Amino acid sequence: MSMPKQGGFTLLELLVVLAIVAIGSAGVGFAMRDGTQTQLEREALRLSALLETARARSQLAGVAVRWQPSGTGFRFDGLSVPKDSTASLPTAWLDADTRAVVDAPANANGGLPTALLLGPDPIIAPQSVTLSSRSQPDKTLRLATDGVRPFAVTVQP
């Protein structure tokens, strides 16, 4: 008398199927990542590096440097760069959908600030700027410094 052969899957076959499903799920998760938030993170890291570069140049030259957002980008006031030099800092966002608002405390005149003061002193006042998306205003990132440490992305309350 022969025993009937049992049907089913081996453990190895089940593990292969689970691995394929896991890889597929991970791929879908990465594909669904929010492009707007990723772009804001990229802009914030870039702006942080630019602000620290301008801060260092301000200290080296001994002149006050101000960063100010504009309608289509931003500008650095006070940095003198020779006309034949390629050392000028960028003045446009990588993504045109990005906008910035300086959100430091009110100045001595009672008005709200429109620019960040980056030097020439090594210790500056605590300052911050909020980056947001024009098309999705609920997507924001805040870049701040306590005046001693570099500008960095902070957690918003």
Protein backbone atom coordinates (compact mmCIF):
# COMPACT_ATOMS: atom_id res chain seq x y z
CA MET A 1 0.00 0.00 0.00
CA SER A 2 1.44 3.32 -1.03
CA MET A 3 0.87 6.59 0.79
CA PRO A 4 -0.67 9.40 -1.20
CA LYS A 5 1.68 12.32 -1.90
CA GLN A 6 0.70 15.45 -0.01
CA GLY A 7 0.40 18.68 -2.00
CA GLY A 8 1.57 22.05 -0.78
CA PHE A 9 4.44 24.47 -0.83
CA THR A 10 7.85 24.00 0.66
CA LEU A 11 9.22 26.44 3.19
CA LEU A 12 11.72 27.73 0.64
CA GLU A 13 8.98 28.53 -1.87
CA LEU A 14 7.02 30.46 0.76
CA LEU A 15 10.12 32.47 1.76
CA VAL A 16 10.79 33.39 -1.88
CA VAL A 17 7.20 34.62 -2.32
CA LEU A 18 7.42 36.66 0.91
CA ALA A 19 10.69 38.23 -0.22
CA ILE A 20 9.16 39.23 -3.57
CA VAL A 21 6.15 40.80 -1.83
CA ALA A 22 8.41 42.69 0.60
CA ILE A 23 10.56 44.10 -2.21
CA GLY A 24 7.46 45.13 -4.16
CA SER A 25 5.96 46.84 -1.10
CA ALA A 26 9.17 48.75 -0.44
CA GLY A 27 9.29 49.92 -4.05
CA VAL A 28 5.73 51.18 -3.88
CA GLY A 29 6.46 52.97 -0.60
CA PHE A 30 9.43 54.82 -2.08
CA ALA A 31 7.48 55.69 -5.22
CA MET A 32 4.69 57.22 -3.15
CA ARG A 33 7.00 59.52 -1.14
CA ASP A 34 5.78 63.11 -1.22
CA GLY A 35 7.78 65.01 -3.84
CA THR A 36 6.88 68.41 -2.39
CA GLN A 37 8.26 67.58 1.05
CA THR A 38 11.38 66.08 -0.49
CA GLN A 39 11.94 69.22 -2.55
CA LEU A 40 11.51 71.42 0.54
CA GLU A 41 14.04 69.31 2.42
CA ARG A 42 16.50 69.68 -0.45
CA GLU A 43 15.95 73.47 -0.58
CA ALA A 44 16.37 73.74 3.21
CA LEU A 45 19.69 71.87 3.20
CA ARG A 46 20.93 73.97 0.29
CA LEU A 47 19.83 77.23 1.93
CA SER A 48 21.48 76.21 5.19
CA ALA A 49 24.79 75.70 3.38
CA LEU A 50 24.42 79.02 1.52
CA LEU A 51 23.65 80.92 4.73
CA GLU A 52 26.68 79.44 6.47
CA THR A 53 28.87 80.27 3.46
CA ALA A 54 27.66 83.87 3.50
CA ARG A 55 28.16 84.00 7.27
CA ALA A 56 31.77 82.84 6.91
CA ARG A 57 32.43 85.34 4.10
CA SER A 58 30.93 88.10 6.22
CA GLN A 59 33.30 87.31 9.07
CA LEU A 60 36.31 87.12 6.74
CA ALA A 61 35.53 90.43 5.02
CA GLY A 62 34.35 92.16 8.20
CA VAL A 63 31.19 93.46 6.52
CA ALA A 64 27.54 93.00 7.36
CA VAL A 65 25.73 90.55 5.09
CA ARG A 66 21.96 90.27 4.88
CA TRP A 67 19.93 87.49 3.28
CA GLN A 68 16.53 88.50 1.97
CA PRO A 69 13.85 86.48 0.17
CA SER A 70 12.46 87.96 -3.03
CA GLY A 71 9.52 87.13 -5.28
CA THR A 72 11.33 84.50 -7.32
CA GLY A 73 14.31 83.63 -5.12
CA PHE A 74 16.54 85.41 -2.65
CA ARG A 75 19.55 87.70 -2.49
CA PHE A 76 22.60 88.34 -0.37
CA ASP A 77 23.26 92.03 0.32
CA GLY A 78 26.74 93.09 1.37
CA LEU A 79 28.81 90.40 -0.30
CA SER A 80 31.19 91.99 -2.74
CA VAL A 81 32.34 89.61 -5.44
CA PRO A 82 34.70 90.63 -8.25
CA LYS A 83 32.89 90.76 -11.60
CA ASP A 84 35.22 88.18 -13.17
CA SER A 85 34.80 85.76 -10.25
CA THR A 86 32.62 82.65 -10.20
CA ALA A 87 32.40 82.84 -6.41
CA SER A 88 29.00 84.53 -6.30
CA LEU A 89 26.28 82.74 -4.39
CA PRO A 90 23.09 81.55 -6.14
CA THR A 91 19.97 83.73 -5.97
CA ALA A 92 17.26 81.34 -7.18
CA TRP A 93 15.50 78.32 -5.74
CA LEU A 94 16.00 74.96 -7.37
CA ASP A 95 12.21 74.60 -7.44
CA ALA A 96 10.20 77.68 -8.46
CA ASP A 97 7.37 76.47 -6.18
CA THR A 98 9.46 77.33 -3.09
CA ARG A 99 8.94 80.49 -1.07
CA ALA A 100 10.54 81.79 2.12
CA VAL A 101 9.43 84.04 4.96
CA VAL A 102 11.76 85.42 7.63
CA ASP A 103 10.11 84.74 10.98
CA ALA A 104 12.53 86.21 13.49
CA PRO A 105 11.16 88.33 16.36
CA ALA A 106 10.12 91.95 15.79
CA ASN A 107 12.98 94.44 15.48
CA ALA A 108 13.59 97.52 17.65
CA ASN A 109 11.24 99.65 15.52
CA GLY A 110 8.42 97.22 16.20
CA GLY A 111 8.31 96.02 12.61
CA LEU A 112 8.73 92.47 11.46
CA PRO A 113 12.11 91.66 9.93
CA THR A 114 12.39 90.99 6.23
CA ALA A 115 15.99 89.77 6.21
CA LEU A 116 18.48 87.65 8.14
CA LEU A 117 21.61 89.40 9.44
CA LEU A 118 24.52 86.99 8.91
CA GLY A 119 27.48 88.87 10.32
CA PRO A 120 30.18 90.13 10.57
CA ASP A 121 30.14 89.16 14.24
CA PRO A 122 30.78 85.47 14.94
CA ILE A 123 27.75 85.37 17.25
CA ILE A 124 24.54 86.63 15.69
CA ALA A 125 21.00 87.01 17.02
CA PRO A 126 18.74 83.94 16.97
CA GLN A 127 16.96 83.93 13.62
CA SER A 128 14.78 81.68 11.53
CA VAL A 129 13.16 81.39 8.14
CA THR A 130 10.24 79.22 7.07
CA LEU A 131 10.25 77.56 3.67
CA SER A 132 6.96 76.50 2.15
CA SER A 133 5.44 75.35 -1.08
CA ARG A 134 3.34 77.83 -3.05
CA SER A 135 1.10 75.07 -4.41
CA GLN A 136 0.78 73.24 -1.06
CA PRO A 137 1.04 75.87 1.72
CA ASP A 138 0.60 73.24 4.44
CA LYS A 139 4.04 71.80 3.55
CA THR A 140 6.61 73.83 5.50
CA LEU A 141 10.10 73.53 6.94
CA ARG A 142 11.76 75.88 9.41
CA LEU A 143 15.46 76.72 9.25
CA ALA A 144 16.88 78.34 12.40
CA THR A 145 20.00 79.25 14.34
CA ASP A 146 20.47 80.18 17.97
CA GLY A 147 23.17 82.62 16.87
CA VAL A 148 26.10 80.35 17.69
CA ARG A 149 25.34 77.11 15.89
CA PRO A 150 24.83 76.83 12.14
CA PHE A 151 21.44 77.16 10.49
CA ALA A 152 19.65 73.82 10.57
CA VAL A 153 16.19 72.38 9.98
CA THR A 154 14.23 72.46 13.23
CA VAL A 155 11.17 70.59 14.38
CA GLN A 156 8.11 72.80 14.31
CA PRO A 157 5.85 72.68 17.38
